[in-house]
Amino acid sequence: MSVPYYTRLERAHLFDLVRAAQPTPPRPRRRQAKQRVRPEVQWTLDAMTGAPAFVSNERLDVLAANQLGRALFSELYAAPARPVNTARFVFLDPRAETTFGDWDRVAGESVAILRSAAGRDPSNRDLSDLVGELATHSEAFRTRWAAHDVRFHNTGVKHFHHPIVGDLHLTYNRLDLAADPGLTLFTYTAEPGSRSEEALKLLGSWAATADAESLRATELS
């Protein structure tokens, strides 16, 4: 089937959600104003030197991260497109299943977050465009989207395989930013004394060295 067909189909699914919730005519689709992360939030991220952290919106665009967050998700940042989008990486990048040791759970929760966002704001054109893109190119996404699951966890353990430091098992917390509707802070921490904590420290050293080398290269160019 064609790309436009799937795009129309998935947008129809979005509108079905709101019609089921309240029988009023849907609002016209609209582009959302570009979301920005306040400087104070970036300062908070940068102050978290021992834990990977990032801020994303309801489309799962990563809008800001600290140094360790960029290092942990270096495979996402390898692609030139910005902003980085975790759902696009999970379903369209072949490296995702290696990066996430529990890929199936990550995939399910990514869809649940997008579905939940679609239920709250079915007229969001940017969100429906992303859903259409993923549905067009990923059978795994289409299958999970059809399940209508909107359950996801605000805390838990995720398993990563990083190309530099190997396996990490990290506790994550998902915190909505009350002052910035639609933005969420994700943090990842390792159990003290664990092998994952050692790997995270090694990752921090690698990230600091890589950033310093990149800065020197920029200054010399």
N, C-alpha and C. Protein backbone atom coordinates (compact mmCIF):
# COMPACT_ATOMS: atom_id res chain seq x y z
N MET A 1 0.83 -1.19 0.00
CA MET A 1 0.00 0.00 0.00
C MET A 1 0.87 1.25 0.00
N SER A 2 0.33 2.35 -0.44
CA SER A 2 1.12 3.55 -0.62
C SER A 2 1.35 4.28 0.70
N VAL A 3 2.38 5.15 0.71
CA VAL A 3 2.66 5.97 1.89
C VAL A 3 1.48 6.86 2.24
N PRO A 4 0.89 7.59 1.26
CA PRO A 4 -0.25 8.44 1.61
C PRO A 4 -1.41 7.65 2.22
N TYR A 5 -1.60 6.40 1.76
CA TYR A 5 -2.70 5.60 2.30
C TYR A 5 -2.52 5.37 3.79
N TYR A 6 -1.31 4.93 4.19
CA TYR A 6 -1.08 4.65 5.60
C TYR A 6 -1.13 5.93 6.43
N THR A 7 -0.64 7.03 5.86
CA THR A 7 -0.70 8.29 6.59
C THR A 7 -2.14 8.67 6.88
N ARG A 8 -3.01 8.56 5.87
CA ARG A 8 -4.43 8.87 6.08
C ARG A 8 -5.05 7.90 7.07
N LEU A 9 -4.68 6.63 6.98
CA LEU A 9 -5.25 5.62 7.85
C LEU A 9 -4.92 5.89 9.31
N GLU A 10 -3.65 6.20 9.60
CA GLU A 10 -3.26 6.42 10.98
C GLU A 10 -3.83 7.71 11.53
N ARG A 11 -3.96 8.74 10.70
CA ARG A 11 -4.61 9.96 11.18
C ARG A 11 -6.07 9.68 11.51
N ALA A 12 -6.70 8.81 10.74
CA ALA A 12 -8.09 8.42 11.03
C ALA A 12 -8.18 7.75 12.38
N HIS A 13 -7.18 6.90 12.70
CA HIS A 13 -7.17 6.24 14.00
C HIS A 13 -7.09 7.27 15.13
N LEU A 14 -6.30 8.31 14.92
CA LEU A 14 -6.18 9.34 15.94
C LEU A 14 -7.52 10.00 16.21
N PHE A 15 -8.24 10.32 15.15
CA PHE A 15 -9.53 10.96 15.33
C PHE A 15 -10.56 10.01 15.93
N ASP A 16 -10.44 8.71 15.67
CA ASP A 16 -11.34 7.74 16.28
C ASP A 16 -11.22 7.80 17.80
N LEU A 17 -10.02 8.03 18.30
CA LEU A 17 -9.83 8.09 19.74
C LEU A 17 -10.66 9.21 20.36
N VAL A 18 -10.57 10.40 19.80
CA VAL A 18 -11.29 11.52 20.40
C VAL A 18 -12.79 11.39 20.20
N ARG A 19 -13.23 10.81 19.07
CA ARG A 19 -14.66 10.63 18.86
C ARG A 19 -15.24 9.64 19.87
N ALA A 20 -14.43 8.64 20.23
CA ALA A 20 -14.90 7.68 21.22
C ALA A 20 -14.99 8.30 22.60
N ALA A 21 -14.11 9.26 22.87
CA ALA A 21 -14.09 9.88 24.19
C ALA A 21 -15.18 10.93 24.35
N GLN A 22 -15.47 11.67 23.29
CA GLN A 22 -16.50 12.70 23.37
C GLN A 22 -17.08 12.93 21.98
N PRO A 23 -18.39 12.76 21.85
CA PRO A 23 -19.02 12.82 20.53
C PRO A 23 -19.21 14.23 19.99
N THR A 24 -18.13 14.99 19.92
CA THR A 24 -18.18 16.33 19.34
C THR A 24 -17.29 16.35 18.12
N PRO A 25 -17.58 17.23 17.16
CA PRO A 25 -16.77 17.26 15.94
C PRO A 25 -15.31 17.56 16.26
N PRO A 26 -14.35 16.84 15.64
CA PRO A 26 -12.93 17.09 15.90
C PRO A 26 -12.51 18.46 15.41
N ARG A 27 -11.55 19.05 16.11
CA ARG A 27 -11.02 20.34 15.68
C ARG A 27 -10.13 20.16 14.46
N PRO A 28 -9.97 21.19 13.66
CA PRO A 28 -9.08 21.08 12.50
C PRO A 28 -7.66 20.74 12.95
N ARG A 29 -6.96 19.92 12.15
CA ARG A 29 -5.58 19.59 12.47
C ARG A 29 -4.72 20.85 12.39
N ARG A 30 -3.73 20.92 13.26
CA ARG A 30 -2.88 22.11 13.30
C ARG A 30 -1.46 21.72 13.63
N ARG A 31 -0.53 22.56 13.20
CA ARG A 31 0.86 22.39 13.57
C ARG A 31 1.05 22.97 14.97
N GLN A 32 1.79 22.25 15.80
CA GLN A 32 2.07 22.73 17.14
C GLN A 32 3.21 23.72 17.11
N ALA A 33 3.11 24.76 17.94
CA ALA A 33 4.21 25.72 18.03
C ALA A 33 5.47 24.99 18.48
N LYS A 34 6.61 25.39 17.96
CA LYS A 34 7.87 24.73 18.29
C LYS A 34 8.13 24.83 19.78
N GLN A 35 8.32 23.67 20.41
CA GLN A 35 8.58 23.64 21.84
C GLN A 35 10.05 23.91 22.11
N ARG A 36 10.29 24.70 23.14
CA ARG A 36 11.66 25.02 23.53
C ARG A 36 11.86 24.67 25.00
N VAL A 37 13.08 24.33 25.32
CA VAL A 37 13.44 24.01 26.69
C VAL A 37 14.02 25.27 27.33
N ARG A 38 13.45 25.65 28.47
CA ARG A 38 13.93 26.84 29.16
C ARG A 38 15.39 26.69 29.59
N PRO A 39 16.16 27.77 29.60
CA PRO A 39 17.56 27.68 30.03
C PRO A 39 17.69 27.06 31.41
N GLU A 40 16.75 27.36 32.32
CA GLU A 40 16.83 26.81 33.67
C GLU A 40 16.75 25.28 33.67
N VAL A 41 15.98 24.74 32.73
CA VAL A 41 15.88 23.28 32.64
C VAL A 41 17.19 22.70 32.13
N GLN A 42 17.79 23.35 31.13
CA GLN A 42 19.09 22.88 30.63
C GLN A 42 20.16 22.96 31.72
N TRP A 43 20.10 24.02 32.54
CA TRP A 43 21.05 24.13 33.64
C TRP A 43 20.89 22.95 34.61
N THR A 44 19.64 22.58 34.86
CA THR A 44 19.37 21.45 35.74
C THR A 44 19.94 20.17 35.15
N LEU A 45 19.73 19.96 33.86
CA LEU A 45 20.29 18.79 33.20
C LEU A 45 21.81 18.76 33.33
N ASP A 46 22.44 19.88 33.07
CA ASP A 46 23.90 19.94 33.09
C ASP A 46 24.47 19.73 34.50
N ALA A 47 23.67 20.08 35.51
CA ALA A 47 24.12 19.88 36.89
C ALA A 47 24.09 18.42 37.30
N MET A 48 23.38 17.59 36.55
CA MET A 48 23.27 16.16 36.85
C MET A 48 24.42 15.43 36.16
N THR A 49 25.59 15.50 36.76
CA THR A 49 26.79 14.98 36.09
C THR A 49 26.95 13.47 36.21
N GLY A 50 26.28 12.84 37.18
CA GLY A 50 26.45 11.41 37.37
C GLY A 50 25.33 10.55 36.82
N ALA A 51 24.35 11.19 36.19
CA ALA A 51 23.19 10.44 35.69
C ALA A 51 22.79 10.93 34.31
N PRO A 52 22.62 10.03 33.35
CA PRO A 52 22.09 10.44 32.05
C PRO A 52 20.69 11.02 32.22
N ALA A 53 20.41 12.11 31.52
CA ALA A 53 19.08 12.73 31.62
C ALA A 53 18.78 13.48 30.33
N PHE A 54 17.50 13.51 29.99
CA PHE A 54 17.08 14.29 28.82
C PHE A 54 15.63 14.72 28.99
N VAL A 55 15.23 15.69 28.19
CA VAL A 55 13.85 16.18 28.17
C VAL A 55 13.27 15.90 26.80
N SER A 56 12.07 15.33 26.77
CA SER A 56 11.40 15.07 25.49
C SER A 56 9.98 15.60 25.53
N ASN A 57 9.39 15.71 24.34
CA ASN A 57 7.99 16.11 24.26
C ASN A 57 7.11 14.88 24.02
N GLU A 58 5.82 15.10 23.77
CA GLU A 58 4.90 13.97 23.64
C GLU A 58 5.07 13.20 22.33
N ARG A 59 5.79 13.78 21.40
CA ARG A 59 6.14 13.07 20.15
C ARG A 59 7.39 12.21 20.33
N LEU A 60 7.98 12.30 21.54
CA LEU A 60 9.24 11.61 21.86
C LEU A 60 10.43 12.19 21.11
N ASP A 61 10.35 13.50 20.76
CA ASP A 61 11.51 14.24 20.30
C ASP A 61 12.38 14.56 21.52
N VAL A 62 13.67 14.29 21.45
CA VAL A 62 14.59 14.67 22.52
C VAL A 62 15.00 16.11 22.28
N LEU A 63 14.55 17.02 23.15
CA LEU A 63 14.77 18.44 22.95
C LEU A 63 15.99 18.97 23.69
N ALA A 64 16.43 18.26 24.72
CA ALA A 64 17.61 18.68 25.48
C ALA A 64 18.14 17.47 26.24
N ALA A 65 19.44 17.46 26.50
CA ALA A 65 20.05 16.36 27.24
C ALA A 65 21.32 16.87 27.91
N ASN A 66 21.77 16.15 28.93
CA ASN A 66 23.08 16.46 29.50
C ASN A 66 24.15 15.65 28.78
N GLN A 67 25.39 15.87 29.15
CA GLN A 67 26.50 15.21 28.45
C GLN A 67 26.39 13.69 28.53
N LEU A 68 26.05 13.18 29.70
CA LEU A 68 25.96 11.73 29.87
C LEU A 68 24.74 11.17 29.15
N GLY A 69 23.69 11.97 29.05
CA GLY A 69 22.51 11.53 28.29
C GLY A 69 22.82 11.39 26.81
N ARG A 70 23.55 12.36 26.27
CA ARG A 70 23.95 12.27 24.86
C ARG A 70 24.87 11.08 24.63
N ALA A 71 25.72 10.78 25.63
CA ALA A 71 26.64 9.65 25.49
C ALA A 71 25.90 8.32 25.56
N LEU A 72 24.94 8.19 26.49
CA LEU A 72 24.19 6.95 26.62
C LEU A 72 23.41 6.66 25.34
N PHE A 73 22.84 7.71 24.76
CA PHE A 73 22.04 7.55 23.54
C PHE A 73 22.81 8.00 22.30
N SER A 74 24.11 7.72 22.30
CA SER A 74 24.95 8.16 21.18
C SER A 74 24.50 7.58 19.85
N GLU A 75 23.92 6.39 19.85
CA GLU A 75 23.44 5.80 18.60
C GLU A 75 22.29 6.61 18.01
N LEU A 76 21.45 7.20 18.87
CA LEU A 76 20.37 8.06 18.37
C LEU A 76 20.95 9.31 17.73
N TYR A 77 21.99 9.87 18.36
CA TYR A 77 22.57 11.12 17.87
C TYR A 77 23.46 10.90 16.65
N ALA A 78 23.71 9.65 16.29
CA ALA A 78 24.53 9.38 15.11
C ALA A 78 23.84 9.82 13.83
N ALA A 79 22.50 9.80 13.83
CA ALA A 79 21.74 10.26 12.66
C ALA A 79 21.77 11.78 12.61
N PRO A 80 21.82 12.38 11.41
CA PRO A 80 21.93 13.83 11.31
C PRO A 80 20.64 14.59 11.62
N ALA A 81 19.49 13.92 11.53
CA ALA A 81 18.21 14.62 11.71
C ALA A 81 18.07 15.13 13.14
N ARG A 82 17.54 16.34 13.28
CA ARG A 82 17.27 16.93 14.58
C ARG A 82 15.86 17.52 14.58
N PRO A 83 15.13 17.42 15.68
CA PRO A 83 15.56 16.80 16.93
C PRO A 83 15.58 15.27 16.83
N VAL A 84 16.40 14.66 17.67
CA VAL A 84 16.42 13.20 17.76
C VAL A 84 15.04 12.73 18.23
N ASN A 85 14.56 11.64 17.64
CA ASN A 85 13.25 11.11 18.03
C ASN A 85 13.40 9.64 18.43
N THR A 86 13.05 9.31 19.67
CA THR A 86 13.28 7.95 20.15
C THR A 86 12.36 6.94 19.48
N ALA A 87 11.11 7.33 19.18
CA ALA A 87 10.20 6.39 18.51
C ALA A 87 10.70 6.06 17.11
N ARG A 88 11.18 7.06 16.41
CA ARG A 88 11.71 6.82 15.06
C ARG A 88 12.93 5.89 15.13
N PHE A 89 13.78 6.09 16.12
CA PHE A 89 14.95 5.22 16.28
C PHE A 89 14.52 3.79 16.61
N VAL A 90 13.59 3.64 17.54
CA VAL A 90 13.16 2.31 17.98
C VAL A 90 12.60 1.49 16.83
N PHE A 91 11.80 2.12 15.96
CA PHE A 91 11.10 1.35 14.93
C PHE A 91 11.75 1.38 13.55
N LEU A 92 12.59 2.38 13.29
CA LEU A 92 13.12 2.50 11.93
C LEU A 92 14.63 2.31 11.83
N ASP A 93 15.33 2.25 12.95
CA ASP A 93 16.79 2.10 12.91
C ASP A 93 17.16 0.66 13.31
N PRO A 94 17.87 -0.06 12.47
CA PRO A 94 18.21 -1.45 12.77
C PRO A 94 19.09 -1.62 14.00
N ARG A 95 19.75 -0.54 14.44
CA ARG A 95 20.60 -0.63 15.63
C ARG A 95 19.80 -0.66 16.93
N ALA A 96 18.52 -0.35 16.86
CA ALA A 96 17.72 -0.21 18.08
C ALA A 96 17.63 -1.51 18.87
N GLU A 97 17.48 -2.63 18.18
CA GLU A 97 17.33 -3.90 18.89
C GLU A 97 18.61 -4.31 19.61
N THR A 98 19.75 -3.82 19.14
CA THR A 98 21.01 -4.05 19.86
C THR A 98 21.16 -3.07 21.00
N THR A 99 20.77 -1.82 20.79
CA THR A 99 20.90 -0.78 21.81
C THR A 99 20.04 -1.09 23.03
N PHE A 100 18.80 -1.52 22.80
CA PHE A 100 17.88 -1.81 23.90
C PHE A 100 17.79 -3.32 24.10
N GLY A 101 18.31 -3.79 25.25
CA GLY A 101 18.25 -5.21 25.53
C GLY A 101 16.83 -5.72 25.70
N ASP A 102 15.93 -4.82 26.10
CA ASP A 102 14.51 -5.15 26.24
C ASP A 102 13.70 -4.39 25.18
N TRP A 103 14.11 -4.56 23.93
CA TRP A 103 13.53 -3.77 22.84
C TRP A 103 12.01 -3.90 22.78
N ASP A 104 11.48 -5.08 22.98
CA ASP A 104 10.04 -5.26 22.85
C ASP A 104 9.27 -4.40 23.85
N ARG A 105 9.76 -4.33 25.07
CA ARG A 105 9.10 -3.49 26.08
C ARG A 105 9.25 -2.01 25.74
N VAL A 106 10.45 -1.63 25.29
CA VAL A 106 10.67 -0.23 24.90
C VAL A 106 9.74 0.15 23.75
N ALA A 107 9.60 -0.75 22.78
CA ALA A 107 8.72 -0.49 21.64
C ALA A 107 7.27 -0.32 22.09
N GLY A 108 6.82 -1.20 22.97
CA GLY A 108 5.44 -1.12 23.46
C GLY A 108 5.17 0.16 24.21
N GLU A 109 6.12 0.57 25.05
CA GLU A 109 5.91 1.79 25.83
C GLU A 109 5.99 3.03 24.95
N SER A 110 6.82 2.99 23.92
CA SER A 110 6.88 4.13 22.99
C SER A 110 5.54 4.34 22.31
N VAL A 111 4.93 3.26 21.86
CA VAL A 111 3.61 3.36 21.22
C VAL A 111 2.56 3.83 22.22
N ALA A 112 2.63 3.32 23.45
CA ALA A 112 1.65 3.71 24.46
C ALA A 112 1.73 5.21 24.75
N ILE A 113 2.95 5.75 24.81
CA ILE A 113 3.12 7.18 25.05
C ILE A 113 2.53 7.99 23.89
N LEU A 114 2.79 7.56 22.66
CA LEU A 114 2.25 8.27 21.50
C LEU A 114 0.73 8.17 21.46
N ARG A 115 0.18 7.01 21.79
CA ARG A 115 -1.28 6.84 21.79
C ARG A 115 -1.94 7.70 22.85
N SER A 116 -1.31 7.75 24.02
CA SER A 116 -1.84 8.59 25.09
C SER A 116 -1.84 10.06 24.69
N ALA A 117 -0.76 10.49 24.04
CA ALA A 117 -0.67 11.87 23.57
C ALA A 117 -1.73 12.14 22.51
N ALA A 118 -1.96 11.17 21.63
CA ALA A 118 -2.95 11.34 20.57
C ALA A 118 -4.35 11.47 21.15
N GLY A 119 -4.62 10.74 22.24
CA GLY A 119 -5.92 10.85 22.87
C GLY A 119 -6.17 12.22 23.48
N ARG A 120 -5.10 12.83 24.00
CA ARG A 120 -5.23 14.17 24.60
C ARG A 120 -5.30 15.26 23.54
N ASP A 121 -4.62 15.05 22.42
CA ASP A 121 -4.52 16.11 21.40
C ASP A 121 -4.60 15.52 20.00
N PRO A 122 -5.78 15.03 19.60
CA PRO A 122 -5.90 14.36 18.30
C PRO A 122 -5.77 15.29 17.10
N SER A 123 -5.78 16.59 17.31
CA SER A 123 -5.65 17.52 16.19
C SER A 123 -4.20 17.94 15.96
N ASN A 124 -3.27 17.34 16.68
CA ASN A 124 -1.86 17.68 16.56
C ASN A 124 -1.31 17.09 15.25
N ARG A 125 -1.07 17.94 14.28
CA ARG A 125 -0.63 17.50 12.96
C ARG A 125 0.77 16.87 13.00
N ASP A 126 1.66 17.45 13.81
CA ASP A 126 3.02 16.91 13.90
C ASP A 126 3.01 15.48 14.44
N LEU A 127 2.16 15.24 15.43
CA LEU A 127 2.06 13.91 16.01
C LEU A 127 1.47 12.92 15.00
N SER A 128 0.42 13.32 14.33
CA SER A 128 -0.20 12.41 13.36
C SER A 128 0.73 12.14 12.18
N ASP A 129 1.56 13.13 11.80
CA ASP A 129 2.54 12.90 10.74
C ASP A 129 3.56 11.84 11.16
N LEU A 130 4.00 11.91 12.42
CA LEU A 130 4.96 10.91 12.90
C LEU A 130 4.33 9.53 12.92
N VAL A 131 3.10 9.44 13.40
CA VAL A 131 2.40 8.15 13.43
C VAL A 131 2.26 7.59 12.01
N GLY A 132 1.92 8.44 11.08
CA GLY A 132 1.80 8.00 9.69
C GLY A 132 3.12 7.50 9.14
N GLU A 133 4.20 8.19 9.44
CA GLU A 133 5.53 7.77 8.98
C GLU A 133 5.90 6.41 9.55
N LEU A 134 5.69 6.23 10.86
CA LEU A 134 6.05 4.96 11.50
C LEU A 134 5.17 3.82 11.00
N ALA A 135 3.89 4.09 10.82
CA ALA A 135 2.98 3.05 10.33
C ALA A 135 3.31 2.64 8.91
N THR A 136 3.77 3.59 8.13
CA THR A 136 4.13 3.29 6.74
C THR A 136 5.33 2.36 6.64
N HIS A 137 6.31 2.57 7.52
CA HIS A 137 7.59 1.89 7.36
C HIS A 137 7.84 0.75 8.36
N SER A 138 6.97 0.58 9.34
CA SER A 138 7.25 -0.43 10.37
C SER A 138 6.01 -1.27 10.68
N GLU A 139 6.09 -2.54 10.34
CA GLU A 139 5.01 -3.46 10.68
C GLU A 139 4.91 -3.63 12.19
N ALA A 140 6.07 -3.62 12.87
CA ALA A 140 6.08 -3.75 14.32
C ALA A 140 5.30 -2.60 14.97
N PHE A 141 5.44 -1.41 14.42
CA PHE A 141 4.69 -0.27 14.95
C PHE A 141 3.20 -0.45 14.66
N ARG A 142 2.85 -0.83 13.43
CA ARG A 142 1.43 -0.99 13.08
C ARG A 142 0.74 -2.00 14.00
N THR A 143 1.42 -3.10 14.28
CA THR A 143 0.84 -4.13 15.14
C THR A 143 0.57 -3.59 16.54
N ARG A 144 1.52 -2.88 17.09
CA ARG A 144 1.35 -2.35 18.44
C ARG A 144 0.34 -1.21 18.49
N TRP A 145 0.33 -0.39 17.45
CA TRP A 145 -0.65 0.71 17.42
C TRP A 145 -2.07 0.15 17.39
N ALA A 146 -2.28 -0.92 16.66
CA ALA A 146 -3.61 -1.53 16.55
C ALA A 146 -4.10 -2.12 17.86
N ALA A 147 -3.18 -2.36 18.81
CA ALA A 147 -3.55 -2.94 20.10
C ALA A 147 -4.22 -1.92 21.02
N HIS A 148 -4.14 -0.62 20.70
CA HIS A 148 -4.79 0.44 21.48
C HIS A 148 -4.35 0.45 22.94
N ASP A 149 -3.11 0.13 23.21
CA ASP A 149 -2.59 0.10 24.58
C ASP A 149 -2.01 1.46 24.93
N VAL A 150 -2.46 2.04 26.03
CA VAL A 150 -1.96 3.35 26.47
C VAL A 150 -1.29 3.25 27.84
N ARG A 151 -0.90 2.06 28.24
CA ARG A 151 -0.26 1.87 29.54
C ARG A 151 1.26 1.97 29.40
N PHE A 152 1.86 2.80 30.23
CA PHE A 152 3.31 2.88 30.27
C PHE A 152 3.73 3.19 31.70
N HIS A 153 5.00 2.96 32.00
CA HIS A 153 5.49 3.09 33.38
C HIS A 153 6.30 4.36 33.55
N ASN A 154 6.15 4.96 34.74
CA ASN A 154 6.92 6.15 35.06
C ASN A 154 8.26 5.82 35.69
N THR A 155 8.46 4.58 36.07
CA THR A 155 9.73 4.14 36.63
C THR A 155 9.93 2.67 36.32
N GLY A 156 11.17 2.22 36.39
CA GLY A 156 11.47 0.83 36.09
C GLY A 156 12.95 0.66 35.79
N VAL A 157 13.32 -0.47 35.22
CA VAL A 157 14.71 -0.75 34.86
C VAL A 157 14.78 -0.99 33.35
N LYS A 158 15.76 -0.36 32.71
CA LYS A 158 15.98 -0.59 31.29
C LYS A 158 17.38 -1.14 31.07
N HIS A 159 17.49 -1.96 30.05
CA HIS A 159 18.75 -2.63 29.75
C HIS A 159 19.30 -2.10 28.43
N PHE A 160 20.53 -1.63 28.49
CA PHE A 160 21.18 -1.04 27.32
C PHE A 160 22.43 -1.83 26.96
N HIS A 161 22.76 -1.80 25.67
CA HIS A 161 24.07 -2.26 25.23
C HIS A 161 24.71 -1.10 24.50
N HIS A 162 25.78 -0.57 25.09
CA HIS A 162 26.45 0.59 24.52
C HIS A 162 27.70 0.14 23.77
N PRO A 163 27.97 0.72 22.60
CA PRO A 163 29.13 0.27 21.81
C PRO A 163 30.47 0.52 22.47
N ILE A 164 30.53 1.42 23.46
CA ILE A 164 31.79 1.74 24.12
C ILE A 164 31.96 0.98 25.44
N VAL A 165 30.92 0.94 26.27
CA VAL A 165 31.07 0.39 27.62
C VAL A 165 30.30 -0.91 27.83
N GLY A 166 29.60 -1.38 26.83
CA GLY A 166 28.90 -2.65 26.96
C GLY A 166 27.55 -2.54 27.62
N ASP A 167 27.19 -3.54 28.43
CA ASP A 167 25.85 -3.63 28.99
C ASP A 167 25.69 -2.75 30.23
N LEU A 168 24.52 -2.10 30.31
CA LEU A 168 24.15 -1.31 31.48
C LEU A 168 22.71 -1.64 31.85
N HIS A 169 22.47 -1.75 33.15
CA HIS A 169 21.11 -1.96 33.67
C HIS A 169 20.81 -0.75 34.55
N LEU A 170 19.93 0.12 34.08
CA LEU A 170 19.71 1.42 34.72
C LEU A 170 18.26 1.61 35.13
N THR A 171 18.08 2.17 36.32
CA THR A 171 16.74 2.54 36.78
C THR A 171 16.38 3.88 36.16
N TYR A 172 15.18 3.96 35.61
CA TYR A 172 14.75 5.23 35.01
C TYR A 172 13.56 5.80 35.77
N ASN A 173 13.44 7.10 35.73
CA ASN A 173 12.28 7.80 36.26
C ASN A 173 11.81 8.81 35.23
N ARG A 174 10.51 8.89 35.09
CA ARG A 174 9.87 9.77 34.13
C ARG A 174 9.09 10.83 34.91
N LEU A 175 9.47 12.10 34.76
CA LEU A 175 8.88 13.18 35.54
C LEU A 175 8.34 14.27 34.62
N ASP A 176 7.04 14.50 34.67
CA ASP A 176 6.46 15.59 33.88
C ASP A 176 6.87 16.93 34.47
N LEU A 177 7.23 17.87 33.60
CA LEU A 177 7.62 19.21 34.04
C LEU A 177 6.37 20.07 34.18
N ALA A 178 5.97 20.34 35.41
CA ALA A 178 4.72 21.04 35.66
C ALA A 178 4.68 22.42 35.03
N ALA A 179 5.83 23.09 34.98
CA ALA A 179 5.88 24.44 34.42
C ALA A 179 5.95 24.45 32.90
N ASP A 180 6.13 23.27 32.30
CA ASP A 180 6.28 23.17 30.85
C ASP A 180 5.38 22.05 30.33
N PRO A 181 4.08 22.32 30.15
CA PRO A 181 3.15 21.28 29.73
C PRO A 181 3.61 20.58 28.44
N GLY A 182 3.55 19.25 28.47
CA GLY A 182 3.95 18.47 27.31
C GLY A 182 5.40 18.05 27.31
N LEU A 183 6.19 18.55 28.26
CA LEU A 183 7.60 18.18 28.35
C LEU A 183 7.82 17.25 29.55
N THR A 184 8.70 16.28 29.36
CA THR A 184 8.97 15.27 30.39
C THR A 184 10.47 15.09 30.55
N LEU A 185 10.89 14.98 31.82
CA LEU A 185 12.29 14.72 32.15
C LEU A 185 12.48 13.23 32.41
N PHE A 186 13.46 12.64 31.74
CA PHE A 186 13.82 11.25 31.95
C PHE A 186 15.22 11.19 32.58
N THR A 187 15.36 10.44 33.67
CA THR A 187 16.66 10.27 34.31
C THR A 187 16.98 8.78 34.42
N TYR A 188 18.27 8.46 34.38
CA TYR A 188 18.74 7.07 34.46
C TYR A 188 19.86 6.98 35.50
N THR A 189 19.73 6.05 36.43
CA THR A 189 20.74 5.89 37.47
C THR A 189 21.10 4.42 37.61
N ALA A 190 22.33 4.19 38.11
CA ALA A 190 22.82 2.82 38.33
C ALA A 190 22.85 2.52 39.82
N GLU A 191 22.66 1.26 40.15
CA GLU A 191 22.76 0.85 41.55
C GLU A 191 24.19 1.07 42.04
N PRO A 192 24.35 1.72 43.20
CA PRO A 192 25.70 1.97 43.72
C PRO A 192 26.49 0.68 43.89
N GLY A 193 27.73 0.71 43.46
CA GLY A 193 28.60 -0.44 43.60
C GLY A 193 28.44 -1.50 42.53
N SER A 194 27.51 -1.27 41.61
CA SER A 194 27.25 -2.27 40.57
C SER A 194 28.20 -2.12 39.39
N ARG A 195 28.23 -3.14 38.55
CA ARG A 195 29.01 -3.08 37.33
C ARG A 195 28.48 -1.98 36.42
N SER A 196 27.16 -1.75 36.47
CA SER A 196 26.57 -0.69 35.65
C SER A 196 27.04 0.69 36.10
N GLU A 197 27.24 0.86 37.42
CA GLU A 197 27.75 2.15 37.90
C GLU A 197 29.17 2.37 37.37
N GLU A 198 29.99 1.33 37.37
CA GLU A 198 31.34 1.44 36.83
C GLU A 198 31.30 1.80 35.35
N ALA A 199 30.38 1.14 34.61
CA ALA A 199 30.26 1.41 33.18
C ALA A 199 29.79 2.83 32.93
N LEU A 200 28.91 3.33 33.79
CA LEU A 200 28.40 4.69 33.64
C LEU A 200 29.52 5.71 33.88
N LYS A 201 30.37 5.45 34.86
CA LYS A 201 31.52 6.34 35.11
C LYS A 201 32.48 6.33 33.93
N LEU A 202 32.70 5.13 33.38
CA LEU A 202 33.57 5.03 32.20
C LEU A 202 32.96 5.78 31.03
N LEU A 203 31.65 5.68 30.88
CA LEU A 203 30.96 6.39 29.81
C LEU A 203 31.11 7.90 29.98
N GLY A 204 31.04 8.36 31.24
CA GLY A 204 31.21 9.79 31.50
C GLY A 204 32.59 10.27 31.11
N SER A 205 33.61 9.47 31.41
CA SER A 205 34.98 9.84 31.04
C SER A 205 35.14 9.88 29.53
N TRP A 206 34.57 8.90 28.86
CA TRP A 206 34.63 8.86 27.39
C TRP A 206 33.93 10.07 26.78
N ALA A 207 32.76 10.42 27.35
CA ALA A 207 32.00 11.56 26.81
C ALA A 207 32.75 12.86 27.00
N ALA A 208 33.37 13.03 28.16
CA ALA A 208 34.12 14.26 28.43
C ALA A 208 35.30 14.38 27.47
N THR A 209 35.99 13.27 27.23
CA THR A 209 37.12 13.29 26.30
C THR A 209 36.66 13.58 24.88
N ALA A 210 35.56 12.94 24.46
CA ALA A 210 35.06 13.14 23.11
C ALA A 210 34.61 14.57 22.90
N ASP A 211 33.95 15.17 23.91
CA ASP A 211 33.49 16.55 23.79
C ASP A 211 34.68 17.51 23.74
N ALA A 212 35.72 17.23 24.53
CA ALA A 212 36.90 18.10 24.53
C ALA A 212 37.62 18.04 23.18
N GLU A 213 37.70 16.84 22.60
CA GLU A 213 38.35 16.70 21.30
C GLU A 213 37.54 17.40 20.22
N SER A 214 36.21 17.30 20.33
CA SER A 214 35.35 17.96 19.35
C SER A 214 35.49 19.47 19.44
N LEU A 215 35.60 19.99 20.67
CA LEU A 215 35.77 21.43 20.87
C LEU A 215 37.09 21.90 20.28
N ARG A 216 38.18 21.14 20.52
CA ARG A 216 39.48 21.52 19.97
C ARG A 216 39.47 21.52 18.45
N ALA A 217 38.79 20.49 17.88
CA ALA A 217 38.70 20.42 16.42
C ALA A 217 37.96 21.62 15.86
N THR A 218 36.91 22.05 16.58
CA THR A 218 36.14 23.20 16.13
C THR A 218 36.98 24.47 16.18
N GLU A 219 37.75 24.61 17.26
CA GLU A 219 38.58 25.80 17.42
C GLU A 219 39.68 25.88 16.37
N LEU A 220 40.17 24.72 15.92
CA LEU A 220 41.24 24.68 14.93
C LEU A 220 40.74 24.82 13.50
N SER A 221 39.47 24.61 13.30
CA SER A 221 38.93 24.67 11.93
C SER A 221 38.67 26.08 11.47
